[in-house]
PDB file of all heavy atoms in Angstrom:
ATOM      1  N   ASP A   1       8.555  23.933  -3.068  1.00  0.00           N
ATOM      2  CA  ASP A   1       9.240  23.072  -2.104  1.00  0.00           C
ATOM      3  C   ASP A   1       8.467  21.767  -1.945  1.00  0.00           C
ATOM      4  O   ASP A   1       8.178  21.324  -0.839  1.00  0.00           O
ATOM      5  CB  ASP A   1       9.349  23.816  -0.772  1.00  0.00           C
ATOM      6  CG  ASP A   1      10.526  23.344   0.052  1.00  0.00           C
ATOM      7  OD1 ASP A   1      11.267  22.447  -0.417  1.00  0.00           O
ATOM      8  OD2 ASP A   1      10.699  23.857   1.167  1.00  0.00           O
ATOM      9  N   ILE A   2       8.159  21.163  -3.073  1.00  0.00           N
ATOM     10  CA  ILE A   2       7.253  20.011  -3.086  1.00  0.00           C
ATOM     11  C   ILE A   2       7.767  18.831  -2.267  1.00  0.00           C
ATOM     12  O   ILE A   2       6.994  18.172  -1.573  1.00  0.00           O
ATOM     13  CB  ILE A   2       6.915  19.587  -4.539  1.00  0.00           C
ATOM     14  CG1 ILE A   2       5.714  18.643  -4.536  1.00  0.00           C
ATOM     15  CG2 ILE A   2       8.111  19.014  -5.251  1.00  0.00           C
ATOM     16  CD1 ILE A   2       5.097  18.426  -5.887  1.00  0.00           C
ATOM     17  N   ASP A   3       9.050  18.561  -2.296  1.00  0.00           N
ATOM     18  CA  ASP A   3       9.569  17.410  -1.554  1.00  0.00           C
ATOM     19  C   ASP A   3       9.355  17.553  -0.049  1.00  0.00           C
ATOM     20  O   ASP A   3       9.057  16.577   0.635  1.00  0.00           O
ATOM     21  CB  ASP A   3      11.042  17.176  -1.864  1.00  0.00           C
ATOM     22  CG  ASP A   3      11.249  16.467  -3.186  1.00  0.00           C
ATOM     23  OD1 ASP A   3      10.313  15.789  -3.658  1.00  0.00           O
ATOM     24  OD2 ASP A   3      12.345  16.592  -3.757  1.00  0.00           O
ATOM     25  N   ASP A   4       9.498  18.773   0.484  1.00  0.00           N
ATOM     26  CA  ASP A   4       9.257  18.981   1.914  1.00  0.00           C
ATOM     27  C   ASP A   4       7.808  18.679   2.276  1.00  0.00           C
ATOM     28  O   ASP A   4       7.528  18.086   3.321  1.00  0.00           O
ATOM     29  CB  ASP A   4       9.609  20.402   2.328  1.00  0.00           C
ATOM     30  CG  ASP A   4      11.103  20.592   2.556  1.00  0.00           C
ATOM     31  OD1 ASP A   4      11.848  19.589   2.552  1.00  0.00           O
ATOM     32  OD2 ASP A   4      11.519  21.743   2.731  1.00  0.00           O
ATOM     33  N   HIS A   5       6.884  19.064   1.412  1.00  0.00           N
ATOM     34  CA  HIS A   5       5.467  18.846   1.701  1.00  0.00           C
ATOM     35  C   HIS A   5       5.065  17.388   1.492  1.00  0.00           C
ATOM     36  O   HIS A   5       4.240  16.859   2.253  1.00  0.00           O
ATOM     37  CB  HIS A   5       4.617  19.808   0.887  1.00  0.00           C
ATOM     38  CG  HIS A   5       4.946  21.231   1.213  1.00  0.00           C
ATOM     39  ND1 HIS A   5       4.611  21.827   2.404  1.00  0.00           N
ATOM     40  CD2 HIS A   5       5.637  22.155   0.526  1.00  0.00           C
ATOM     41  CE1 HIS A   5       5.066  23.059   2.432  1.00  0.00           C
ATOM     42  NE2 HIS A   5       5.694  23.281   1.301  1.00  0.00           N
ATOM     43  N   LEU A   6       5.647  16.742   0.496  1.00  0.00           N
ATOM     44  CA  LEU A   6       5.404  15.304   0.330  1.00  0.00           C
ATOM     45  C   LEU A   6       5.960  14.543   1.529  1.00  0.00           C
ATOM     46  O   LEU A   6       5.308  13.635   2.052  1.00  0.00           O
ATOM     47  CB  LEU A   6       6.037  14.797  -0.967  1.00  0.00           C
ATOM     48  CG  LEU A   6       5.355  15.252  -2.251  1.00  0.00           C
ATOM     49  CD1 LEU A   6       6.231  14.922  -3.458  1.00  0.00           C
ATOM     50  CD2 LEU A   6       3.984  14.610  -2.398  1.00  0.00           C
ATOM     51  N   SER A   7       7.134  14.922   1.984  1.00  0.00           N
ATOM     52  CA  SER A   7       7.730  14.284   3.154  1.00  0.00           C
ATOM     53  C   SER A   7       6.875  14.522   4.400  1.00  0.00           C
ATOM     54  O   SER A   7       6.680  13.610   5.215  1.00  0.00           O
ATOM     55  CB  SER A   7       9.147  14.816   3.366  1.00  0.00           C
ATOM     56  OG  SER A   7       9.751  14.177   4.457  1.00  0.00           O
ATOM     57  N   ALA A   8       6.339  15.726   4.553  1.00  0.00           N
ATOM     58  CA  ALA A   8       5.466  16.025   5.695  1.00  0.00           C
ATOM     59  C   ALA A   8       4.223  15.145   5.659  1.00  0.00           C
ATOM     60  O   ALA A   8       3.765  14.648   6.700  1.00  0.00           O
ATOM     61  CB  ALA A   8       5.083  17.501   5.705  1.00  0.00           C
ATOM     62  N   ALA A   9       3.661  14.943   4.472  1.00  0.00           N
ATOM     63  CA  ALA A   9       2.482  14.073   4.334  1.00  0.00           C
ATOM     64  C   ALA A   9       2.838  12.636   4.700  1.00  0.00           C
ATOM     65  O   ALA A   9       2.071  11.956   5.405  1.00  0.00           O
ATOM     66  CB  ALA A   9       1.929  14.141   2.922  1.00  0.00           C
ATOM     67  N   LEU A  10       3.982  12.159   4.233  1.00  0.00           N
ATOM     68  CA  LEU A  10       4.408  10.797   4.553  1.00  0.00           C
ATOM     69  C   LEU A  10       4.636  10.633   6.058  1.00  0.00           C
ATOM     70  O   LEU A  10       4.219   9.633   6.651  1.00  0.00           O
ATOM     71  CB  LEU A  10       5.675  10.443   3.780  1.00  0.00           C
ATOM     72  CG  LEU A  10       5.518  10.313   2.269  1.00  0.00           C
ATOM     73  CD1 LEU A  10       6.890  10.220   1.598  1.00  0.00           C
ATOM     74  CD2 LEU A  10       4.651   9.120   1.907  1.00  0.00           C
ATOM     75  N   ARG A  11       5.276  11.614   6.691  1.00  0.00           N
ATOM     76  CA  ARG A  11       5.502  11.556   8.142  1.00  0.00           C
ATOM     77  C   ARG A  11       4.167  11.567   8.902  1.00  0.00           C
ATOM     78  O   ARG A  11       4.011  10.854   9.902  1.00  0.00           O
ATOM     79  CB  ARG A  11       6.372  12.713   8.607  1.00  0.00           C
ATOM     80  CG  ARG A  11       7.816  12.557   8.254  1.00  0.00           C
ATOM     81  CD  ARG A  11       8.675  13.684   8.847  1.00  0.00           C
ATOM     82  NE  ARG A  11      10.032  13.565   8.405  1.00  0.00           N
ATOM     83  CZ  ARG A  11      10.900  12.665   8.845  1.00  0.00           C
ATOM     84  NH1 ARG A  11      10.533  11.799   9.750  1.00  0.00           N
ATOM     85  NH2 ARG A  11      12.127  12.624   8.374  1.00  0.00           N
ATOM     86  N   PHE A  12       3.230  12.372   8.430  1.00  0.00           N
ATOM     87  CA  PHE A  12       1.922  12.442   9.063  1.00  0.00           C
ATOM     88  C   PHE A  12       1.212  11.090   8.965  1.00  0.00           C
ATOM     89  O   PHE A  12       0.638  10.609   9.947  1.00  0.00           O
ATOM     90  CB  PHE A  12       1.089  13.553   8.414  1.00  0.00           C
ATOM     91  CG  PHE A  12      -0.168  13.878   9.154  1.00  0.00           C
ATOM     92  CD1 PHE A  12      -0.138  14.696  10.277  1.00  0.00           C
ATOM     93  CD2 PHE A  12      -1.388  13.374   8.735  1.00  0.00           C
ATOM     94  CE1 PHE A  12      -1.302  15.003  10.972  1.00  0.00           C
ATOM     95  CE2 PHE A  12      -2.557  13.678   9.412  1.00  0.00           C
ATOM     96  CZ  PHE A  12      -2.515  14.496  10.536  1.00  0.00           C
ATOM     97  N   LEU A  13       1.257  10.478   7.789  1.00  0.00           N
ATOM     98  CA  LEU A  13       0.671   9.140   7.628  1.00  0.00           C
ATOM     99  C   LEU A  13       1.352   8.129   8.542  1.00  0.00           C
ATOM    100  O   LEU A  13       0.692   7.294   9.168  1.00  0.00           O
ATOM    101  CB  LEU A  13       0.778   8.674   6.170  1.00  0.00           C
ATOM    102  CG  LEU A  13      -0.175   9.301   5.172  1.00  0.00           C
ATOM    103  CD1 LEU A  13       0.169   8.843   3.759  1.00  0.00           C
ATOM    104  CD2 LEU A  13      -1.623   8.961   5.509  1.00  0.00           C
ATOM    105  N   HIS A  14       2.668   8.215   8.628  1.00  0.00           N
ATOM    106  CA  HIS A  14       3.428   7.294   9.470  1.00  0.00           C
ATOM    107  C   HIS A  14       3.012   7.424  10.935  1.00  0.00           C
ATOM    108  O   HIS A  14       2.746   6.421  11.609  1.00  0.00           O
ATOM    109  CB  HIS A  14       4.929   7.560   9.297  1.00  0.00           C
ATOM    110  CG  HIS A  14       5.783   6.671  10.130  1.00  0.00           C
ATOM    111  ND1 HIS A  14       6.450   7.125  11.248  1.00  0.00           N
ATOM    112  CD2 HIS A  14       6.064   5.352  10.032  1.00  0.00           C
ATOM    113  CE1 HIS A  14       7.118   6.130  11.788  1.00  0.00           C
ATOM    114  NE2 HIS A  14       6.899   5.034  11.070  1.00  0.00           N
ATOM    115  N   ARG A  15       2.927   8.647  11.427  1.00  0.00           N
ATOM    116  CA  ARG A  15       2.510   8.863  12.822  1.00  0.00           C
ATOM    117  C   ARG A  15       1.086   8.356  13.047  1.00  0.00           C
ATOM    118  O   ARG A  15       0.784   7.737  14.068  1.00  0.00           O
ATOM    119  CB  ARG A  15       2.625  10.342  13.200  1.00  0.00           C
ATOM    120  CG  ARG A  15       4.062  10.778  13.443  1.00  0.00           C
ATOM    121  CD  ARG A  15       4.156  12.146  14.083  1.00  0.00           C
ATOM    122  NE  ARG A  15       3.548  13.208  13.292  1.00  0.00           N
ATOM    123  CZ  ARG A  15       4.160  13.907  12.347  1.00  0.00           C
ATOM    124  NH1 ARG A  15       5.423  13.654  12.064  1.00  0.00           N
ATOM    125  NH2 ARG A  15       3.526  14.853  11.700  1.00  0.00           N
ATOM    126  N   ALA A  16       0.204   8.626  12.085  1.00  0.00           N
ATOM    127  CA  ALA A  16      -1.184   8.156  12.199  1.00  0.00           C
ATOM    128  C   ALA A  16      -1.240   6.628  12.200  1.00  0.00           C
ATOM    129  O   ALA A  16      -2.013   6.031  12.956  1.00  0.00           O
ATOM    130  CB  ALA A  16      -2.030   8.729  11.065  1.00  0.00           C
ATOM    131  N   LEU A  17      -0.430   6.006  11.372  1.00  0.00           N
ATOM    132  CA  LEU A  17      -0.377   4.545  11.313  1.00  0.00           C
ATOM    133  C   LEU A  17       0.060   3.959  12.649  1.00  0.00           C
ATOM    134  O   LEU A  17      -0.554   3.019  13.158  1.00  0.00           O
ATOM    135  CB  LEU A  17       0.582   4.105  10.207  1.00  0.00           C
ATOM    136  CG  LEU A  17       0.984   2.630  10.190  1.00  0.00           C
ATOM    137  CD1 LEU A  17      -0.210   1.758   9.840  1.00  0.00           C
ATOM    138  CD2 LEU A  17       2.118   2.397   9.231  1.00  0.00           C
ATOM    139  N   LEU A  18       1.102   4.528  13.228  1.00  0.00           N
ATOM    140  CA  LEU A  18       1.603   3.989  14.493  1.00  0.00           C
ATOM    141  C   LEU A  18       0.646   4.250  15.646  1.00  0.00           C
ATOM    142  O   LEU A  18       0.542   3.436  16.568  1.00  0.00           O
ATOM    143  CB  LEU A  18       2.981   4.573  14.803  1.00  0.00           C
ATOM    144  CG  LEU A  18       4.100   4.169  13.833  1.00  0.00           C
ATOM    145  CD1 LEU A  18       5.414   4.788  14.254  1.00  0.00           C
ATOM    146  CD2 LEU A  18       4.223   2.661  13.708  1.00  0.00           C
ATOM    147  N   SER A  19      -0.077   5.362  15.610  1.00  0.00           N
ATOM    148  CA  SER A  19      -0.986   5.676  16.717  1.00  0.00           C
ATOM    149  C   SER A  19      -2.327   4.962  16.598  1.00  0.00           C
ATOM    150  O   SER A  19      -2.986   4.727  17.608  1.00  0.00           O
ATOM    151  CB  SER A  19      -1.201   7.187  16.834  1.00  0.00           C
ATOM    152  OG  SER A  19      -1.906   7.676  15.728  1.00  0.00           O
ATOM    153  N   ASN A  20      -2.728   4.597  15.375  1.00  0.00           N
ATOM    154  CA  ASN A  20      -4.015   3.928  15.193  1.00  0.00           C
ATOM    155  C   ASN A  20      -3.955   3.008  13.968  1.00  0.00           C
ATOM    156  O   ASN A  20      -4.535   3.313  12.922  1.00  0.00           O
ATOM    157  CB  ASN A  20      -5.130   4.966  15.044  1.00  0.00           C
ATOM    158  CG  ASN A  20      -6.492   4.346  15.162  1.00  0.00           C
ATOM    159  OD1 ASN A  20      -6.634   3.127  15.318  1.00  0.00           O
ATOM    160  ND2 ASN A  20      -7.518   5.169  15.086  1.00  0.00           N
ATOM    161  N   PRO A  21      -3.269   1.873  14.094  1.00  0.00           N
ATOM    162  CA  PRO A  21      -3.110   0.962  12.948  1.00  0.00           C
ATOM    163  C   PRO A  21      -4.420   0.488  12.343  1.00  0.00           C
ATOM    164  O   PRO A  21      -4.505   0.267  11.131  1.00  0.00           O
ATOM    165  CB  PRO A  21      -2.330  -0.223  13.524  1.00  0.00           C
ATOM    166  CG  PRO A  21      -1.709   0.271  14.779  1.00  0.00           C
ATOM    167  CD  PRO A  21      -2.594   1.374  15.283  1.00  0.00           C
ATOM    168  N   SER A  22      -5.476   0.365  13.152  1.00  0.00           N
ATOM    169  CA  SER A  22      -6.741  -0.146  12.623  1.00  0.00           C
ATOM    170  C   SER A  22      -7.336   0.797  11.575  1.00  0.00           C
ATOM    171  O   SER A  22      -8.043   0.342  10.673  1.00  0.00           O
ATOM    172  CB  SER A  22      -7.738  -0.391  13.751  1.00  0.00           C
ATOM    173  OG  SER A  22      -8.067   0.823  14.390  1.00  0.00           O
ATOM    174  N   THR A  23      -7.047   2.083  11.661  1.00  0.00           N
ATOM    175  CA  THR A  23      -7.505   3.033  10.635  1.00  0.00           C
ATOM    176  C   THR A  23      -6.956   2.641   9.270  1.00  0.00           C
ATOM    177  O   THR A  23      -7.616   2.835   8.250  1.00  0.00           O
ATOM    178  CB  THR A  23      -7.043   4.465  10.982  1.00  0.00           C
ATOM    179  OG1 THR A  23      -7.594   4.826  12.231  1.00  0.00           O
ATOM    180  CG2 THR A  23      -7.460   5.459   9.927  1.00  0.00           C
ATOM    181  N   PHE A  24      -5.783   2.079   9.246  1.00  0.00           N
ATOM    182  CA  PHE A  24      -5.130   1.679   8.001  1.00  0.00           C
ATOM    183  C   PHE A  24      -5.444   0.226   7.636  1.00  0.00           C
ATOM    184  O   PHE A  24      -4.943  -0.278   6.637  1.00  0.00           O
ATOM    185  CB  PHE A  24      -3.617   1.879   8.112  1.00  0.00           C
ATOM    186  CG  PHE A  24      -3.216   3.320   8.132  1.00  0.00           C
ATOM    187  CD1 PHE A  24      -3.377   4.091   9.273  1.00  0.00           C
ATOM    188  CD2 PHE A  24      -2.706   3.927   6.997  1.00  0.00           C
ATOM    189  CE1 PHE A  24      -3.036   5.430   9.286  1.00  0.00           C
ATOM    190  CE2 PHE A  24      -2.365   5.264   6.995  1.00  0.00           C
ATOM    191  CZ  PHE A  24      -2.535   6.019   8.154  1.00  0.00           C
ATOM    192  N   GLY A  25      -6.257  -0.437   8.481  1.00  0.00           N
ATOM    193  CA  GLY A  25      -6.624  -1.827   8.233  1.00  0.00           C
ATOM    194  C   GLY A  25      -5.584  -2.816   8.731  1.00  0.00           C
ATOM    195  O   GLY A  25      -5.556  -3.958   8.273  1.00  0.00           O
ATOM    196  N   LEU A  26      -4.745  -2.382   9.674  1.00  0.00           N
ATOM    197  CA  LEU A  26      -3.689  -3.242  10.202  1.00  0.00           C
ATOM    198  C   LEU A  26      -3.909  -3.515  11.683  1.00  0.00           C
ATOM    199  O   LEU A  26      -4.552  -2.733  12.384  1.00  0.00           O
ATOM    200  CB  LEU A  26      -2.317  -2.570  10.028  1.00  0.00           C
ATOM    201  CG  LEU A  26      -1.863  -2.229   8.620  1.00  0.00           C
ATOM    202  CD1 LEU A  26      -0.506  -1.542   8.663  1.00  0.00           C
ATOM    203  CD2 LEU A  26      -1.800  -3.468   7.745  1.00  0.00           C
ATOM    204  N   THR A  27      -3.336  -4.612  12.159  1.00  0.00           N
ATOM    205  CA  THR A  27      -3.306  -4.887  13.592  1.00  0.00           C
ATOM    206  C   THR A  27      -2.098  -4.174  14.182  1.00  0.00           C
ATOM    207  O   THR A  27      -1.196  -3.734  13.449  1.00  0.00           O
ATOM    208  CB  THR A  27      -3.175  -6.396  13.856  1.00  0.00           C
ATOM    209  OG1 THR A  27      -1.895  -6.836  13.371  1.00  0.00           O
ATOM    210  CG2 THR A  27      -4.303  -7.187  13.193  1.00  0.00           C
TER     211      THR A  27
END
């Protein structure tokens, strides 16, 4: 079920980006 797990990783990155943009090097 690789697509579900890839999607979960992408969603996790997205949530992390929105909660702490500086971790990703963004303002």
